[in-house]
Amino acid sequence: MSRSTRLARALAYGGLGAALAARPRDVVAGVCGPPEPPAWLVRVLGVRQLAQELVVLAAPTRAVLLAAAATDALHAASMVGAALIWPEYRRAALTSAGVAATAATAAAGAVSAARR
């Protein structure tokens, strides 16, 4: 993964994580609308996203990228489950699932590109 690609990824996904951690209600309300999941939960997920992207930025090895892809894929799957269990938060959960699936695909693609 090139340095510019790493930086773009960190800014996109890490920036989203930082925004979710700092202003969970504002971000969720602006992106998904009401009802909003508990702010503490959104904040925890934002911190996880930010920490993960900082690790990817600092050490973009194959193992780190695969771990990031797996973490994001698991998060996406868990959000689909959350949408089924808590239908009142369906929009927020499916939005989170979509972002996580995109991040997982980007990380997996970076691993594939590095092998070429």
C-alpha atoms as a PDB file:
ATOM      1  CA  MET A   1       0.000   0.000   0.000  1.00  0.00           C
ATOM      2  CA  SER A   2       1.477   3.318  -1.012  1.00  0.00           C
ATOM      3  CA  ARG A   3       2.040   6.063   1.504  1.00  0.00           C
ATOM      4  CA  SER A   4      -0.616   8.271  -0.095  1.00  0.00           C
ATOM      5  CA  THR A   5      -3.138   5.414  -0.052  1.00  0.00           C
ATOM      6  CA  ARG A   6      -2.371   4.723   3.619  1.00  0.00           C
ATOM      7  CA  LEU A   7      -2.842   8.373   4.433  1.00  0.00           C
ATOM      8  CA  ALA A   8      -6.111   8.611   2.498  1.00  0.00           C
ATOM      9  CA  ARG A   9      -7.433   5.496   4.234  1.00  0.00           C
ATOM     10  CA  ALA A  10      -6.393   6.806   7.658  1.00  0.00           C
ATOM     11  CA  LEU A  11      -8.022  10.164   6.990  1.00  0.00           C
ATOM     12  CA  ALA A  12     -11.264   8.613   5.743  1.00  0.00           C
ATOM     13  CA  TYR A  13     -11.838   5.797   8.215  1.00  0.00           C
ATOM     14  CA  GLY A  14      -9.790   7.207  11.076  1.00  0.00           C
ATOM     15  CA  GLY A  15     -11.421  10.598  10.641  1.00  0.00           C
ATOM     16  CA  LEU A  16     -14.843   8.988  10.812  1.00  0.00           C
ATOM     17  CA  GLY A  17     -13.801   7.124  13.950  1.00  0.00           C
ATOM     18  CA  ALA A  18     -12.541  10.336  15.539  1.00  0.00           C
ATOM     19  CA  ALA A  19     -15.783  12.131  14.678  1.00  0.00           C
ATOM     20  CA  LEU A  20     -17.856   9.282  16.114  1.00  0.00           C
ATOM     21  CA  ALA A  21     -15.773   9.293  19.288  1.00  0.00           C
ATOM     22  CA  ALA A  22     -15.901  13.064  19.739  1.00  0.00           C
ATOM     23  CA  ARG A  23     -19.471  13.846  18.616  1.00  0.00           C
ATOM     24  CA  PRO A  24     -21.443  10.588  18.472  1.00  0.00           C
ATOM     25  CA  ARG A  25     -24.916  12.098  18.563  1.00  0.00           C
ATOM     26  CA  ASP A  26     -24.178  14.781  15.973  1.00  0.00           C
ATOM     27  CA  VAL A  27     -22.583  12.365  13.506  1.00  0.00           C
ATOM     28  CA  VAL A  28     -25.281   9.712  13.817  1.00  0.00           C
ATOM     29  CA  ALA A  29     -28.083  12.292  13.642  1.00  0.00           C
ATOM     30  CA  GLY A  30     -26.517  13.896  10.576  1.00  0.00           C
ATOM     31  CA  VAL A  31     -25.875  10.651   8.743  1.00  0.00           C
ATOM     32  CA  CYS A  32     -28.693   8.367   9.859  1.00  0.00           C
ATOM     33  CA  GLY A  33     -31.303  10.479  11.591  1.00  0.00           C
ATOM     34  CA  PRO A  34     -33.324   9.399  14.585  1.00  0.00           C
ATOM     35  CA  PRO A  35     -33.498   7.261  16.551  1.00  0.00           C
ATOM     36  CA  GLU A  36     -29.869   7.287  17.596  1.00  0.00           C
ATOM     37  CA  PRO A  37     -28.172   4.357  19.303  1.00  0.00           C
ATOM     38  CA  PRO A  38     -26.678   5.047  22.748  1.00  0.00           C
ATOM     39  CA  ALA A  39     -23.889   7.612  22.503  1.00  0.00           C
ATOM     40  CA  TRP A  40     -21.525   5.511  24.636  1.00  0.00           C
ATOM     41  CA  LEU A  41     -21.785   2.634  22.159  1.00  0.00           C
ATOM     42  CA  VAL A  42     -21.169   4.862  19.144  1.00  0.00           C
ATOM     43  CA  ARG A  43     -18.207   6.422  20.973  1.00  0.00           C
ATOM     44  CA  VAL A  44     -16.663   2.992  21.723  1.00  0.00           C
ATOM     45  CA  LEU A  45     -17.025   1.952  18.085  1.00  0.00           C
ATOM     46  CA  GLY A  46     -15.487   5.245  16.953  1.00  0.00           C
ATOM     47  CA  VAL A  47     -12.477   4.782  19.225  1.00  0.00           C
ATOM     48  CA  ARG A  48     -12.040   1.234  17.881  1.00  0.00           C
ATOM     49  CA  GLN A  49     -12.130   2.509  14.310  1.00  0.00           C
ATOM     50  CA  LEU A  50      -9.650   5.292  15.018  1.00  0.00           C
ATOM     51  CA  ALA A  51      -7.236   2.996  16.863  1.00  0.00           C
ATOM     52  CA  GLN A  52      -7.387   0.426  14.078  1.00  0.00           C
ATOM     53  CA  GLU A  53      -6.591   3.001  11.419  1.00  0.00           C
ATOM     54  CA  LEU A  54      -3.685   4.388  13.432  1.00  0.00           C
ATOM     55  CA  VAL A  55      -2.236   0.864  13.629  1.00  0.00           C
ATOM     56  CA  VAL A  56      -2.714   0.377   9.871  1.00  0.00           C
ATOM     57  CA  LEU A  57      -1.058   3.728   9.200  1.00  0.00           C
ATOM     58  CA  ALA A  58       1.875   2.971  11.502  1.00  0.00           C
ATOM     59  CA  ALA A  59       2.484  -0.629  10.434  1.00  0.00           C
ATOM     60  CA  PRO A  60       0.820  -1.505   7.121  1.00  0.00           C
ATOM     61  CA  THR A  61       2.094  -5.078   7.032  1.00  0.00           C
ATOM     62  CA  ARG A  62       0.195  -7.934   5.445  1.00  0.00           C
ATOM     63  CA  ALA A  63      -0.747  -9.295   8.881  1.00  0.00           C
ATOM     64  CA  VAL A  64      -2.031  -5.913  10.096  1.00  0.00           C
ATOM     65  CA  LEU A  65      -4.063  -5.354   6.933  1.00  0.00           C
ATOM     66  CA  LEU A  66      -5.563  -8.846   7.149  1.00  0.00           C
ATOM     67  CA  ALA A  67      -6.435  -8.273  10.808  1.00  0.00           C
ATOM     68  CA  ALA A  68      -8.041  -4.942   9.910  1.00  0.00           C
ATOM     69  CA  ALA A  69     -10.035  -6.565   7.105  1.00  0.00           C
ATOM     70  CA  ALA A  70     -11.195  -9.359   9.423  1.00  0.00           C
ATOM     71  CA  THR A  71     -12.130  -6.907  12.188  1.00  0.00           C
ATOM     72  CA  ASP A  72     -14.137  -4.773   9.787  1.00  0.00           C
ATOM     73  CA  ALA A  73     -15.841  -7.809   8.245  1.00  0.00           C
ATOM     74  CA  LEU A  74     -16.839  -9.039  11.706  1.00  0.00           C
ATOM     75  CA  HIS A  75     -18.107  -5.588  12.589  1.00  0.00           C
ATOM     76  CA  ALA A  76     -20.183  -5.472   9.399  1.00  0.00           C
ATOM     77  CA  ALA A  77     -21.711  -8.871  10.179  1.00  0.00           C
ATOM     78  CA  SER A  78     -22.447  -7.864  13.772  1.00  0.00           C
ATOM     79  CA  MET A  79     -24.213  -4.720  12.583  1.00  0.00           C
ATOM     80  CA  VAL A  80     -26.453  -6.758  10.277  1.00  0.00           C
ATOM     81  CA  GLY A  81     -27.325  -8.842  13.317  1.00  0.00           C
ATOM     82  CA  ALA A  82     -27.943  -5.695  15.354  1.00  0.00           C
ATOM     83  CA  ALA A  83     -30.296  -4.404  12.659  1.00  0.00           C
ATOM     84  CA  LEU A  84     -32.323  -7.587  12.941  1.00  0.00           C
ATOM     85  CA  ILE A  85     -32.379  -7.623  16.747  1.00  0.00           C
ATOM     86  CA  TRP A  86     -33.030  -3.889  17.256  1.00  0.00           C
ATOM     87  CA  PRO A  87     -35.123  -2.719  14.289  1.00  0.00           C
ATOM     88  CA  GLU A  88     -35.431   0.788  15.748  1.00  0.00           C
ATOM     89  CA  TYR A  89     -31.699   1.226  15.055  1.00  0.00           C
ATOM     90  CA  ARG A  90     -31.776  -0.482  11.661  1.00  0.00           C
ATOM     91  CA  ARG A  91     -30.697   2.565   9.655  1.00  0.00           C
ATOM     92  CA  ALA A  92     -27.708   3.310  11.912  1.00  0.00           C
ATOM     93  CA  ALA A  93     -26.688  -0.366  12.095  1.00  0.00           C
ATOM     94  CA  LEU A  94     -26.874  -0.894   8.336  1.00  0.00           C
ATOM     95  CA  THR A  95     -24.989   2.341   7.676  1.00  0.00           C
ATOM     96  CA  SER A  96     -22.264   1.138  10.039  1.00  0.00           C
ATOM     97  CA  ALA A  97     -22.285  -2.263   8.311  1.00  0.00           C
ATOM     98  CA  GLY A  98     -21.822  -0.606   4.935  1.00  0.00           C
ATOM     99  CA  VAL A  99     -18.901   1.508   6.106  1.00  0.00           C
ATOM    100  CA  ALA A 100     -17.275  -1.508   7.761  1.00  0.00           C
ATOM    101  CA  ALA A 101     -17.753  -3.679   4.662  1.00  0.00           C
ATOM    102  CA  THR A 102     -16.167  -0.951   2.535  1.00  0.00           C
ATOM    103  CA  ALA A 103     -13.231  -0.679   4.949  1.00  0.00           C
ATOM    104  CA  ALA A 104     -12.799  -4.472   4.957  1.00  0.00           C
ATOM    105  CA  THR A 105     -12.786  -4.523   1.167  1.00  0.00           C
ATOM    106  CA  ALA A 106     -10.226  -1.703   1.042  1.00  0.00           C
ATOM    107  CA  ALA A 107      -7.917  -3.499   3.487  1.00  0.00           C
ATOM    108  CA  ALA A 108      -8.237  -6.798   1.638  1.00  0.00           C
ATOM    109  CA  GLY A 109      -7.592  -5.000  -1.644  1.00  0.00           C
ATOM    110  CA  ALA A 110      -4.441  -3.463  -0.202  1.00  0.00           C
ATOM    111  CA  VAL A 111      -3.194  -6.953   0.698  1.00  0.00           C
ATOM    112  CA  SER A 112      -3.918  -8.152  -2.840  1.00  0.00           C
ATOM    113  CA  ALA A 113      -2.227  -5.127  -4.400  1.00  0.00           C
ATOM    114  CA  ALA A 114       0.859  -5.662  -2.251  1.00  0.00           C
ATOM    115  CA  ARG A 115       1.242  -9.218  -3.586  1.00  0.00           C
ATOM    116  CA  ARG A 116       1.385  -8.063  -7.207  1.00  0.00           C
END
